[in-house]
Amino acid sequence: MLIGEVARRSGVSARMLRHYESLGLVRPSGRTGSGYREYSEEDIRRIFHVESLRSLGLTLREIGRALDDPGFVPSALVGDLIRQTRERIAAETELLTRLRRIDAADPAGWEDVLQVVALLQALGSKSPDARQRAALSSVDEVPVPVEALVEAALSETEPNVAGAIRWALARSGGGPALLAKGLGSPVAAVRERAVRSLAEMPGDEAATLLREALTHPDAVVRGYAALALGTRGAADVVPTLIDMISAGRNDTDAADALSVLAADGTATADRIATGLVNRLAHDTGEAPARGRLTQALAGIPGPTASRALVELSHDEDRAVALTATYLLRLRDAR
């Protein structure tokens, strides 16, 4: 079969067939009397083998080795191809994500595009200072897409930078639904960053997600959700806040949240005080927990808290008794 017919049937151009021949990859087995290349069935079969291996991403040199080296072991090469393909997909995915985020910023001109690119690069910088400046400047300059801020918030490990990113995210006015996905992460640190970011976001959507987080299996998530809702006046988080004080998880913040709720009125204050007293009676063998619960009564006004402190001033646990006595003196002084 002459080269033109081979090209037509195989889909490989005559130019490429000549290139294969120059590399020694596929040589026509014969020549016609006029000197034209003539390919045998075996030659054509080899052409299809070459094209099949090219479709896997092998170079022509690698294809030559695969077809001609009897000792060639394909497993290592295939493993390299898998690794290279994954790296290429990751790079292309990263590029696609960046392009989508630039598009989401709705830039008015190339200057805006360049600013968004610079901010995205700064958010991914190894320098905490650069990341912090990017978060703070994203509000006043061309806004960083919410998706990029959420990703940064869920991955940031530096406390100061994380605070700046959460602030920028709250100012952006979006992101609760994206943060909610972080609550389902298998990584505890990511779940904590997600709920802390939600806690700083205004609006009903964030509040609804925080309320759903009160039943989350992660106690840390439940705690941050309760703190945020408590400062917003949600009295149904009182049991969770008391649990936090008893367990010693953000107990100071939990006591402050109870104090804020108690300011709502005498009935609420008495209900909170009753809850603390009941937990004190329950935690009879936990001295540190009883001390924390006693201290929490300091921020609760009303007669129920006062009576509880009087009783606790005679507690068998000397530390609890001294704490209650001191708190009573402070109340009398006020």
C-alpha atoms as a PDB file:
ATOM      1  CA  MET A   1       0.000   0.000   0.000  1.00  0.00           C
ATOM      2  CA  LEU A   2       1.438   3.363  -1.038  1.00  0.00           C
ATOM      3  CA  ILE A   3       1.902   6.218   1.411  1.00  0.00           C
ATOM      4  CA  GLY A   4      -1.088   8.233   0.165  1.00  0.00           C
ATOM      5  CA  GLU A   5      -3.460   5.321   0.640  1.00  0.00           C
ATOM      6  CA  VAL A   6      -1.989   4.573   4.074  1.00  0.00           C
ATOM      7  CA  ALA A   7      -2.476   8.190   5.093  1.00  0.00           C
ATOM      8  CA  ARG A   8      -6.091   8.155   3.898  1.00  0.00           C
ATOM      9  CA  ARG A   9      -6.981   4.924   5.686  1.00  0.00           C
ATOM     10  CA  SER A  10      -5.056   5.501   8.909  1.00  0.00           C
ATOM     11  CA  GLY A  11      -5.742   9.202   9.379  1.00  0.00           C
ATOM     12  CA  VAL A  12      -2.018   9.838   9.818  1.00  0.00           C
ATOM     13  CA  SER A  13      -0.735  12.460   7.393  1.00  0.00           C
ATOM     14  CA  ALA A  14       1.897  11.584   4.825  1.00  0.00           C
ATOM     15  CA  ARG A  15       4.139  14.200   6.422  1.00  0.00           C
ATOM     16  CA  MET A  16       3.858  12.475   9.823  1.00  0.00           C
ATOM     17  CA  LEU A  17       4.505   9.069   8.224  1.00  0.00           C
ATOM     18  CA  ARG A  18       7.715  10.437   6.725  1.00  0.00           C
ATOM     19  CA  HIS A  19       8.629  11.818  10.155  1.00  0.00           C
ATOM     20  CA  TYR A  20       8.061   8.379  11.693  1.00  0.00           C
ATOM     21  CA  GLU A  21      10.336   6.916   9.039  1.00  0.00           C
ATOM     22  CA  SER A  22      13.076   9.484   9.722  1.00  0.00           C
ATOM     23  CA  LEU A  23      13.005   8.504  13.407  1.00  0.00           C
ATOM     24  CA  GLY A  24      13.104   4.821  12.583  1.00  0.00           C
ATOM     25  CA  LEU A  25       9.737   4.391  14.222  1.00  0.00           C
ATOM     26  CA  VAL A  26       7.820   2.999  11.219  1.00  0.00           C
ATOM     27  CA  ARG A  27       9.780   2.107   8.115  1.00  0.00           C
ATOM     28  CA  PRO A  28       7.924   0.914   4.993  1.00  0.00           C
ATOM     29  CA  SER A  29       8.932  -2.655   4.248  1.00  0.00           C
ATOM     30  CA  GLY A  30       9.356  -2.204   0.505  1.00  0.00           C
ATOM     31  CA  ARG A  31       9.564   0.031  -2.527  1.00  0.00           C
ATOM     32  CA  THR A  32       7.778  -0.126  -5.812  1.00  0.00           C
ATOM     33  CA  GLY A  33       9.637  -0.392  -9.067  1.00  0.00           C
ATOM     34  CA  SER A  34       9.337   3.361  -9.350  1.00  0.00           C
ATOM     35  CA  GLY A  35      10.876   3.852  -5.910  1.00  0.00           C
ATOM     36  CA  TYR A  36       7.691   4.740  -4.023  1.00  0.00           C
ATOM     37  CA  ARG A  37       7.295   3.658  -0.402  1.00  0.00           C
ATOM     38  CA  GLU A  38       5.177   0.556   0.023  1.00  0.00           C
ATOM     39  CA  TYR A  39       3.709  -0.398   3.391  1.00  0.00           C
ATOM     40  CA  SER A  40       2.880  -3.957   4.344  1.00  0.00           C
ATOM     41  CA  GLU A  41       0.043  -5.069   6.628  1.00  0.00           C
ATOM     42  CA  GLU A  42       2.574  -5.398   9.444  1.00  0.00           C
ATOM     43  CA  ASP A  43       3.759  -1.812   8.811  1.00  0.00           C
ATOM     44  CA  ILE A  44       0.191  -0.527   8.974  1.00  0.00           C
ATOM     45  CA  ARG A  45      -0.414  -2.500  12.167  1.00  0.00           C
ATOM     46  CA  ARG A  46       2.678  -0.812  13.678  1.00  0.00           C
ATOM     47  CA  ILE A  47       1.340   2.610  12.654  1.00  0.00           C
ATOM     48  CA  PHE A  48      -1.852   1.927  14.600  1.00  0.00           C
ATOM     49  CA  HIS A  49       0.223   0.772  17.578  1.00  0.00           C
ATOM     50  CA  VAL A  50       2.178   4.038  17.455  1.00  0.00           C
ATOM     51  CA  GLU A  51      -1.001   6.106  17.332  1.00  0.00           C
ATOM     52  CA  SER A  52      -2.535   4.136  20.214  1.00  0.00           C
ATOM     53  CA  LEU A  53       0.490   4.787  22.423  1.00  0.00           C
ATOM     54  CA  ARG A  54       0.553   8.460  21.412  1.00  0.00           C
ATOM     55  CA  SER A  55      -3.027   8.739  22.638  1.00  0.00           C
ATOM     56  CA  LEU A  56      -1.765   7.775  26.115  1.00  0.00           C
ATOM     57  CA  GLY A  57       0.641  10.696  26.140  1.00  0.00           C
ATOM     58  CA  LEU A  58       3.866   8.815  25.366  1.00  0.00           C
ATOM     59  CA  THR A  59       6.586  10.635  23.460  1.00  0.00           C
ATOM     60  CA  LEU A  60       7.781   9.205  20.168  1.00  0.00           C
ATOM     61  CA  ARG A  61      11.038   8.148  21.825  1.00  0.00           C
ATOM     62  CA  GLU A  62       9.112   6.292  24.540  1.00  0.00           C
ATOM     63  CA  ILE A  63       6.943   4.664  21.871  1.00  0.00           C
ATOM     64  CA  GLY A  64      10.038   3.438  20.069  1.00  0.00           C
ATOM     65  CA  ARG A  65      11.334   1.858  23.270  1.00  0.00           C
ATOM     66  CA  ALA A  66       7.971   0.281  24.020  1.00  0.00           C
ATOM     67  CA  LEU A  67       7.737  -1.323  20.575  1.00  0.00           C
ATOM     68  CA  ASP A  68      11.361  -2.369  20.035  1.00  0.00           C
ATOM     69  CA  ASP A  69      12.928  -3.075  23.440  1.00  0.00           C
ATOM     70  CA  PRO A  70      12.155  -6.702  24.479  1.00  0.00           C
ATOM     71  CA  GLY A  71      13.058  -5.896  28.087  1.00  0.00           C
ATOM     72  CA  PHE A  72      10.824  -2.833  28.286  1.00  0.00           C
ATOM     73  CA  VAL A  73       8.538  -2.889  31.350  1.00  0.00           C
ATOM     74  CA  PRO A  74       5.497  -0.659  30.828  1.00  0.00           C
ATOM     75  CA  SER A  75       4.370  -0.406  34.477  1.00  0.00           C
ATOM     76  CA  ALA A  76       6.918   2.251  35.488  1.00  0.00           C
ATOM     77  CA  LEU A  77       6.204   4.346  32.410  1.00  0.00           C
ATOM     78  CA  VAL A  78       2.442   4.080  32.903  1.00  0.00           C
ATOM     79  CA  GLY A  79       2.939   5.111  36.537  1.00  0.00           C
ATOM     80  CA  ASP A  80       4.861   8.189  35.393  1.00  0.00           C
ATOM     81  CA  LEU A  81       2.125   9.007  32.901  1.00  0.00           C
ATOM     82  CA  ILE A  82      -0.491   8.791  35.648  1.00  0.00           C
ATOM     83  CA  ARG A  83       1.540  11.142  37.851  1.00  0.00           C
ATOM     84  CA  GLN A  84       2.135  13.608  35.030  1.00  0.00           C
ATOM     85  CA  THR A  85      -1.528  13.550  34.050  1.00  0.00           C
ATOM     86  CA  ARG A  86      -2.615  14.226  37.625  1.00  0.00           C
ATOM     87  CA  GLU A  87      -0.184  17.131  37.877  1.00  0.00           C
ATOM     88  CA  ARG A  88      -1.450  18.534  34.587  1.00  0.00           C
ATOM     89  CA  ILE A  89      -5.092  18.194  35.681  1.00  0.00           C
ATOM     90  CA  ALA A  90      -4.299  19.876  39.001  1.00  0.00           C
ATOM     91  CA  ALA A  91      -2.571  22.752  37.225  1.00  0.00           C
ATOM     92  CA  GLU A  92      -5.438  23.160  34.756  1.00  0.00           C
ATOM     93  CA  THR A  93      -7.999  22.983  37.576  1.00  0.00           C
ATOM     94  CA  GLU A  94      -6.114  25.662  39.495  1.00  0.00           C
ATOM     95  CA  LEU A  95      -6.042  27.856  36.406  1.00  0.00           C
ATOM     96  CA  LEU A  96      -9.768  27.317  35.802  1.00  0.00           C
ATOM     97  CA  THR A  97     -10.530  28.223  39.427  1.00  0.00           C
ATOM     98  CA  ARG A  98      -8.489  31.405  39.151  1.00  0.00           C
ATOM     99  CA  LEU A  99     -10.200  32.401  35.910  1.00  0.00           C
ATOM    100  CA  ARG A 100     -13.633  31.808  37.430  1.00  0.00           C
ATOM    101  CA  ARG A 101     -12.749  33.938  40.422  1.00  0.00           C
ATOM    102  CA  ILE A 102     -11.527  36.757  38.218  1.00  0.00           C
ATOM    103  CA  ASP A 103     -14.757  36.511  36.243  1.00  0.00           C
ATOM    104  CA  ALA A 104     -16.785  36.563  39.476  1.00  0.00           C
ATOM    105  CA  ALA A 105     -15.123  39.861  40.435  1.00  0.00           C
ATOM    106  CA  ASP A 106     -16.675  41.363  37.282  1.00  0.00           C
ATOM    107  CA  PRO A 107     -13.624  43.471  36.401  1.00  0.00           C
ATOM    108  CA  ALA A 108     -14.307  46.645  34.436  1.00  0.00           C
ATOM    109  CA  GLY A 109     -10.929  46.633  32.707  1.00  0.00           C
ATOM    110  CA  TRP A 110      -7.495  45.064  32.615  1.00  0.00           C
ATOM    111  CA  GLU A 111      -6.383  47.159  35.567  1.00  0.00           C
ATOM    112  CA  ASP A 112      -9.092  45.509  37.664  1.00  0.00           C
ATOM    113  CA  VAL A 113      -8.065  42.078  36.369  1.00  0.00           C
ATOM    114  CA  LEU A 114      -4.462  42.706  37.396  1.00  0.00           C
ATOM    115  CA  GLN A 115      -5.565  43.874  40.855  1.00  0.00           C
ATOM    116  CA  VAL A 116      -7.671  40.748  41.390  1.00  0.00           C
ATOM    117  CA  VAL A 117      -4.791  38.539  40.244  1.00  0.00           C
ATOM    118  CA  ALA A 118      -2.418  40.327  42.630  1.00  0.00           C
ATOM    119  CA  LEU A 119      -4.830  39.915  45.561  1.00  0.00           C
ATOM    120  CA  LEU A 120      -5.395  36.225  44.798  1.00  0.00           C
ATOM    121  CA  GLN A 121      -1.641  35.665  44.656  1.00  0.00           C
ATOM    122  CA  ALA A 122      -1.172  37.543  47.932  1.00  0.00           C
ATOM    123  CA  LEU A 123      -3.863  35.432  49.630  1.00  0.00           C
ATOM    124  CA  GLY A 124      -1.879  32.352  48.630  1.00  0.00           C
ATOM    125  CA  SER A 125       1.465  33.825  49.671  1.00  0.00           C
ATOM    126  CA  LYS A 126       3.747  32.065  52.160  1.00  0.00           C
ATOM    127  CA  SER A 127       4.060  35.377  54.015  1.00  0.00           C
ATOM    128  CA  PRO A 128       1.439  35.912  56.760  1.00  0.00           C
ATOM    129  CA  ASP A 129       1.859  39.685  56.423  1.00  0.00           C
ATOM    130  CA  ALA A 130       1.111  39.510  52.698  1.00  0.00           C
ATOM    131  CA  ARG A 131      -1.986  37.393  53.305  1.00  0.00           C
ATOM    132  CA  GLN A 132      -3.208  39.773  55.998  1.00  0.00           C
ATOM    133  CA  ARG A 133      -2.689  42.859  53.819  1.00  0.00           C
ATOM    134  CA  ALA A 134      -4.536  41.157  50.968  1.00  0.00           C
ATOM    135  CA  ALA A 135      -7.514  40.374  53.204  1.00  0.00           C
ATOM    136  CA  LEU A 136      -7.696  43.905  54.593  1.00  0.00           C
ATOM    137  CA  SER A 137      -7.263  45.587  51.220  1.00  0.00           C
ATOM    138  CA  SER A 138      -9.825  43.358  49.511  1.00  0.00           C
ATOM    139  CA  VAL A 139     -12.640  45.436  51.008  1.00  0.00           C
ATOM    140  CA  ASP A 140     -11.506  48.854  49.777  1.00  0.00           C
ATOM    141  CA  GLU A 141      -9.978  47.863  46.439  1.00  0.00           C
ATOM    142  CA  VAL A 142     -11.341  45.503  43.780  1.00  0.00           C
ATOM    143  CA  PRO A 143     -13.210  42.892  45.877  1.00  0.00           C
ATOM    144  CA  VAL A 144     -11.739  39.423  46.119  1.00  0.00           C
ATOM    145  CA  PRO A 145     -14.318  36.810  45.056  1.00  0.00           C
ATOM    146  CA  VAL A 146     -16.138  35.335  48.052  1.00  0.00           C
ATOM    147  CA  GLU A 147     -15.111  31.811  47.068  1.00  0.00           C
ATOM    148  CA  ALA A 148     -11.428  32.787  47.391  1.00  0.00           C
ATOM    149  CA  LEU A 149     -12.011  34.366  50.803  1.00  0.00           C
ATOM    150  CA  VAL A 150     -13.844  31.264  52.027  1.00  0.00           C
ATOM    151  CA  GLU A 151     -11.012  29.023  50.838  1.00  0.00           C
ATOM    152  CA  ALA A 152      -8.521  31.279  52.624  1.00  0.00           C
ATOM    153  CA  ALA A 153     -10.619  31.316  55.797  1.00  0.00           C
ATOM    154  CA  LEU A 154     -10.817  27.518  55.896  1.00  0.00           C
ATOM    155  CA  SER A 155      -7.072  27.046  55.379  1.00  0.00           C
ATOM    156  CA  GLU A 156      -5.502  29.900  57.375  1.00  0.00           C
ATOM    157  CA  THR A 157      -3.498  28.842  60.448  1.00  0.00           C
ATOM    158  CA  GLU A 158      -2.158  32.218  61.636  1.00  0.00           C
ATOM    159  CA  PRO A 159      -4.634  33.703  64.175  1.00  0.00           C
ATOM    160  CA  ASN A 160      -4.139  37.364  63.166  1.00  0.00           C
ATOM    161  CA  VAL A 161      -4.424  36.599  59.474  1.00  0.00           C
ATOM    162  CA  ALA A 162      -7.470  34.388  60.081  1.00  0.00           C
ATOM    163  CA  GLY A 163      -9.154  37.254  61.939  1.00  0.00           C
ATOM    164  CA  ALA A 164      -8.514  39.634  59.041  1.00  0.00           C
ATOM    165  CA  ILE A 165      -9.888  37.136  56.528  1.00  0.00           C
ATOM    166  CA  ARG A 166     -13.021  36.522  58.623  1.00  0.00           C
ATOM    167  CA  TRP A 167     -13.531  40.293  58.851  1.00  0.00           C
ATOM    168  CA  ALA A 168     -13.186  40.685  55.089  1.00  0.00           C
ATOM    169  CA  LEU A 169     -15.543  37.770  54.523  1.00  0.00           C
ATOM    170  CA  ALA A 170     -18.160  39.256  56.845  1.00  0.00           C
ATOM    171  CA  ARG A 171     -17.868  42.592  55.020  1.00  0.00           C
ATOM    172  CA  SER A 172     -18.258  40.886  51.648  1.00  0.00           C
ATOM    173  CA  GLY A 173     -21.867  39.973  52.405  1.00  0.00           C
ATOM    174  CA  GLY A 174     -21.599  36.419  51.060  1.00  0.00           C
ATOM    175  CA  GLY A 175     -20.239  33.004  51.788  1.00  0.00           C
ATOM    176  CA  PRO A 176     -22.473  31.317  54.424  1.00  0.00           C
ATOM    177  CA  ALA A 177     -23.453  28.444  52.133  1.00  0.00           C
ATOM    178  CA  LEU A 178     -19.814  27.841  51.171  1.00  0.00           C
ATOM    179  CA  LEU A 179     -18.757  27.929  54.817  1.00  0.00           C
ATOM    180  CA  ALA A 180     -21.470  25.420  55.670  1.00  0.00           C
ATOM    181  CA  LYS A 181     -19.634  22.876  53.509  1.00  0.00           C
ATOM    182  CA  GLY A 182     -16.603  23.388  55.743  1.00  0.00           C
ATOM    183  CA  LEU A 183     -18.657  22.212  58.724  1.00  0.00           C
ATOM    184  CA  GLY A 184     -18.779  18.786  57.100  1.00  0.00           C
ATOM    185  CA  SER A 185     -15.010  18.533  56.648  1.00  0.00           C
ATOM    186  CA  PRO A 186     -13.297  15.451  58.106  1.00  0.00           C
ATOM    187  CA  VAL A 187     -10.597  17.798  59.456  1.00  0.00           C
ATOM    188  CA  ALA A 188     -11.435  19.233  62.891  1.00  0.00           C
ATOM    189  CA  ALA A 189      -9.416  22.416  62.319  1.00  0.00           C
ATOM    190  CA  VAL A 190     -11.345  23.169  59.121  1.00  0.00           C
ATOM    191  CA  ARG A 191     -14.679  22.667  60.903  1.00  0.00           C
ATOM    192  CA  GLU A 192     -13.577  25.090  63.620  1.00  0.00           C
ATOM    193  CA  ARG A 193     -12.508  27.727  61.083  1.00  0.00           C
ATOM    194  CA  ALA A 194     -15.828  27.348  59.270  1.00  0.00           C
ATOM    195  CA  VAL A 195     -17.980  27.868  62.353  1.00  0.00           C
ATOM    196  CA  ARG A 196     -15.844  30.768  63.609  1.00  0.00           C
ATOM    197  CA  SER A 197     -16.235  32.467  60.236  1.00  0.00           C
ATOM    198  CA  LEU A 198     -19.998  31.904  60.314  1.00  0.00           C
ATOM    199  CA  ALA A 199     -20.100  33.319  63.842  1.00  0.00           C
ATOM    200  CA  GLU A 200     -18.806  36.664  62.584  1.00  0.00           C
ATOM    201  CA  MET A 201     -21.188  36.894  59.639  1.00  0.00           C
ATOM    202  CA  PRO A 202     -24.358  38.980  59.948  1.00  0.00           C
ATOM    203  CA  GLY A 203     -27.716  38.048  58.531  1.00  0.00           C
ATOM    204  CA  ASP A 204     -30.393  35.413  58.832  1.00  0.00           C
ATOM    205  CA  GLU A 205     -28.664  32.853  56.622  1.00  0.00           C
ATOM    206  CA  ALA A 206     -25.620  32.690  58.888  1.00  0.00           C
ATOM    207  CA  ALA A 207     -27.848  32.582  61.988  1.00  0.00           C
ATOM    208  CA  THR A 208     -29.821  29.668  60.550  1.00  0.00           C
ATOM    209  CA  LEU A 209     -26.643  27.718  59.822  1.00  0.00           C
ATOM    210  CA  LEU A 210     -25.340  28.424  63.325  1.00  0.00           C
ATOM    211  CA  ARG A 211     -28.570  27.127  64.814  1.00  0.00           C
ATOM    212  CA  GLU A 212     -28.227  23.942  62.767  1.00  0.00           C
ATOM    213  CA  ALA A 213     -24.651  23.651  64.051  1.00  0.00           C
ATOM    214  CA  LEU A 214     -25.943  23.382  67.633  1.00  0.00           C
ATOM    215  CA  THR A 215     -26.617  19.696  66.935  1.00  0.00           C
ATOM    216  CA  HIS A 216     -23.287  19.074  65.223  1.00  0.00           C
ATOM    217  CA  PRO A 217     -21.402  15.995  66.500  1.00  0.00           C
ATOM    218  CA  ASP A 218     -18.276  18.117  67.036  1.00  0.00           C
ATOM    219  CA  ALA A 219     -18.422  19.776  70.477  1.00  0.00           C
ATOM    220  CA  VAL A 220     -16.138  22.576  69.300  1.00  0.00           C
ATOM    221  CA  VAL A 221     -18.530  23.437  66.476  1.00  0.00           C
ATOM    222  CA  ARG A 222     -21.489  23.354  68.860  1.00  0.00           C
ATOM    223  CA  GLY A 223     -19.623  25.607  71.267  1.00  0.00           C
ATOM    224  CA  TYR A 224     -18.757  28.339  68.777  1.00  0.00           C
ATOM    225  CA  ALA A 225     -22.293  28.245  67.397  1.00  0.00           C
ATOM    226  CA  ALA A 226     -23.719  28.646  70.911  1.00  0.00           C
ATOM    227  CA  LEU A 227     -21.394  31.549  71.685  1.00  0.00           C
ATOM    228  CA  ALA A 228     -22.385  33.372  68.523  1.00  0.00           C
ATOM    229  CA  LEU A 229     -26.110  32.799  69.027  1.00  0.00           C
ATOM    230  CA  GLY A 230     -25.879  33.678  72.711  1.00  0.00           C
ATOM    231  CA  THR A 231     -24.459  37.100  71.941  1.00  0.00           C
ATOM    232  CA  ARG A 232     -27.391  37.538  69.531  1.00  0.00           C
ATOM    233  CA  GLY A 233     -29.892  36.847  72.289  1.00  0.00           C
ATOM    234  CA  ALA A 234     -30.825  33.219  71.581  1.00  0.00           C
ATOM    235  CA  ALA A 235     -31.772  31.941  75.046  1.00  0.00           C
ATOM    236  CA  ASP A 236     -32.116  28.308  73.934  1.00  0.00           C
ATOM    237  CA  VAL A 237     -28.313  27.969  73.828  1.00  0.00           C
ATOM    238  CA  VAL A 238     -28.043  28.242  77.637  1.00  0.00           C
ATOM    239  CA  PRO A 239     -27.642  24.453  78.187  1.00  0.00           C
ATOM    240  CA  THR A 240     -24.804  24.314  75.653  1.00  0.00           C
ATOM    241  CA  LEU A 241     -23.062  27.286  77.269  1.00  0.00           C
ATOM    242  CA  ILE A 242     -23.327  25.661  80.696  1.00  0.00           C
ATOM    243  CA  ASP A 243     -21.895  22.446  79.235  1.00  0.00           C
ATOM    244  CA  MET A 244     -18.933  24.460  77.941  1.00  0.00           C
ATOM    245  CA  ILE A 245     -18.285  26.018  81.350  1.00  0.00           C
ATOM    246  CA  SER A 246     -18.455  22.653  83.049  1.00  0.00           C
ATOM    247  CA  ALA A 247     -16.116  21.062  80.497  1.00  0.00           C
ATOM    248  CA  GLY A 248     -13.698  23.989  80.470  1.00  0.00           C
ATOM    249  CA  ARG A 249     -14.086  24.703  76.739  1.00  0.00           C
ATOM    250  CA  ASN A 250     -14.018  28.454  76.146  1.00  0.00           C
ATOM    251  CA  ASP A 251     -15.581  28.720  79.597  1.00  0.00           C
ATOM    252  CA  THR A 252     -14.804  32.430  80.008  1.00  0.00           C
ATOM    253  CA  ASP A 253     -16.485  33.285  76.710  1.00  0.00           C
ATOM    254  CA  ALA A 254     -19.422  31.046  77.603  1.00  0.00           C
ATOM    255  CA  ALA A 255     -19.844  32.804  80.958  1.00  0.00           C
ATOM    256  CA  ASP A 256     -19.758  36.174  79.184  1.00  0.00           C
ATOM    257  CA  ALA A 257     -22.448  34.984  76.771  1.00  0.00           C
ATOM    258  CA  LEU A 258     -24.619  33.878  79.709  1.00  0.00           C
ATOM    259  CA  SER A 259     -24.144  37.305  81.264  1.00  0.00           C
ATOM    260  CA  VAL A 260     -25.338  38.964  78.059  1.00  0.00           C
ATOM    261  CA  LEU A 261     -28.410  36.729  77.963  1.00  0.00           C
ATOM    262  CA  ALA A 262     -29.127  37.314  81.656  1.00  0.00           C
ATOM    263  CA  ALA A 263     -29.387  41.044  81.004  1.00  0.00           C
ATOM    264  CA  ASP A 264     -32.581  40.328  79.072  1.00  0.00           C
ATOM    265  CA  GLY A 265     -34.643  40.291  82.277  1.00  0.00           C
ATOM    266  CA  THR A 266     -35.135  38.757  85.707  1.00  0.00           C
ATOM    267  CA  ALA A 267     -36.901  35.655  84.376  1.00  0.00           C
ATOM    268  CA  THR A 268     -34.055  34.836  82.008  1.00  0.00           C
ATOM    269  CA  ALA A 269     -31.439  35.558  84.671  1.00  0.00           C
ATOM    270  CA  ASP A 270     -33.182  33.269  87.168  1.00  0.00           C
ATOM    271  CA  ARG A 271     -33.468  30.500  84.555  1.00  0.00           C
ATOM    272  CA  ILE A 272     -29.736  30.729  83.821  1.00  0.00           C
ATOM    273  CA  ALA A 273     -28.870  30.767  87.523  1.00  0.00           C
ATOM    274  CA  THR A 274     -31.054  27.710  88.091  1.00  0.00           C
ATOM    275  CA  GLY A 275     -29.270  25.903  85.288  1.00  0.00           C
ATOM    276  CA  LEU A 276     -25.870  26.695  86.808  1.00  0.00           C
ATOM    277  CA  VAL A 277     -27.007  25.579  90.272  1.00  0.00           C
ATOM    278  CA  ASN A 278     -28.386  22.318  88.904  1.00  0.00           C
ATOM    279  CA  ARG A 279     -25.119  21.625  87.142  1.00  0.00           C
ATOM    280  CA  LEU A 280     -23.208  22.418  90.343  1.00  0.00           C
ATOM    281  CA  ALA A 281     -25.282  19.819  92.158  1.00  0.00           C
ATOM    282  CA  HIS A 282     -24.600  17.331  89.391  1.00  0.00           C
ATOM    283  CA  ASP A 283     -20.835  17.935  89.187  1.00  0.00           C
ATOM    284  CA  THR A 284     -20.242  17.028  92.832  1.00  0.00           C
ATOM    285  CA  GLY A 285     -16.886  15.365  92.250  1.00  0.00           C
ATOM    286  CA  GLU A 286     -15.422  17.776  89.711  1.00  0.00           C
ATOM    287  CA  ALA A 287     -13.703  20.526  91.682  1.00  0.00           C
ATOM    288  CA  PRO A 288     -12.416  22.582  88.718  1.00  0.00           C
ATOM    289  CA  ALA A 289     -15.805  22.368  87.015  1.00  0.00           C
ATOM    290  CA  ARG A 290     -17.631  23.476  90.177  1.00  0.00           C
ATOM    291  CA  GLY A 291     -15.226  26.393  90.506  1.00  0.00           C
ATOM    292  CA  ARG A 292     -15.917  27.536  86.955  1.00  0.00           C
ATOM    293  CA  LEU A 293     -19.678  27.207  87.409  1.00  0.00           C
ATOM    294  CA  THR A 294     -19.504  29.236  90.617  1.00  0.00           C
ATOM    295  CA  GLN A 295     -17.526  31.976  88.881  1.00  0.00           C
ATOM    296  CA  ALA A 296     -20.123  32.063  86.098  1.00  0.00           C
ATOM    297  CA  LEU A 297     -22.765  33.095  88.656  1.00  0.00           C
ATOM    298  CA  ALA A 298     -20.870  36.367  89.055  1.00  0.00           C
ATOM    299  CA  GLY A 299     -22.327  37.734  85.832  1.00  0.00           C
ATOM    300  CA  ILE A 300     -25.894  36.649  86.550  1.00  0.00           C
ATOM    301  CA  PRO A 301     -28.074  39.242  88.326  1.00  0.00           C
ATOM    302  CA  GLY A 302     -31.179  38.485  90.352  1.00  0.00           C
ATOM    303  CA  PRO A 303     -32.211  36.748  93.581  1.00  0.00           C
ATOM    304  CA  THR A 304     -31.701  33.164  92.374  1.00  0.00           C
ATOM    305  CA  ALA A 305     -28.016  33.738  91.680  1.00  0.00           C
ATOM    306  CA  SER A 306     -27.594  35.598  94.992  1.00  0.00           C
ATOM    307  CA  ARG A 307     -29.194  32.776  97.011  1.00  0.00           C
ATOM    308  CA  ALA A 308     -27.036  30.244  95.196  1.00  0.00           C
ATOM    309  CA  LEU A 309     -23.879  32.168  96.081  1.00  0.00           C
ATOM    310  CA  VAL A 310     -24.939  32.348  99.752  1.00  0.00           C
ATOM    311  CA  GLU A 311     -25.335  28.571  99.849  1.00  0.00           C
ATOM    312  CA  LEU A 312     -22.067  28.042  97.999  1.00  0.00           C
ATOM    313  CA  SER A 313     -20.211  30.253 100.473  1.00  0.00           C
ATOM    314  CA  HIS A 314     -20.643  27.344 102.921  1.00  0.00           C
ATOM    315  CA  ASP A 315     -19.685  24.642 100.407  1.00  0.00           C
ATOM    316  CA  GLU A 316     -17.478  21.786 101.541  1.00  0.00           C
ATOM    317  CA  ASP A 317     -15.062  22.640  98.735  1.00  0.00           C
ATOM    318  CA  ARG A 318     -13.007  25.465 100.219  1.00  0.00           C
ATOM    319  CA  ALA A 319     -12.109  26.943  96.835  1.00  0.00           C
ATOM    320  CA  VAL A 320     -15.790  27.101  95.851  1.00  0.00           C
ATOM    321  CA  ALA A 321     -16.744  28.596  99.225  1.00  0.00           C
ATOM    322  CA  LEU A 322     -14.055  31.291  98.991  1.00  0.00           C
ATOM    323  CA  THR A 323     -15.043  32.144  95.416  1.00  0.00           C
ATOM    324  CA  ALA A 324     -18.715  32.445  96.360  1.00  0.00           C
ATOM    325  CA  THR A 325     -17.881  34.612  99.390  1.00  0.00           C
ATOM    326  CA  TYR A 326     -15.767  36.932  97.241  1.00  0.00           C
ATOM    327  CA  LEU A 327     -18.519  37.239  94.648  1.00  0.00           C
ATOM    328  CA  LEU A 328     -21.083  38.048  97.311  1.00  0.00           C
ATOM    329  CA  ARG A 329     -18.906  40.892  98.562  1.00  0.00           C
ATOM    330  CA  LEU A 330     -18.679  42.262  95.044  1.00  0.00           C
ATOM    331  CA  ARG A 331     -22.465  42.105  94.695  1.00  0.00           C
ATOM    332  CA  ASP A 332     -22.936  43.891  98.014  1.00  0.00           C
ATOM    333  CA  ALA A 333     -20.450  46.567  96.975  1.00  0.00           C
ATOM    334  CA  ARG A 334     -22.454  47.202  93.810  1.00  0.00           C
END
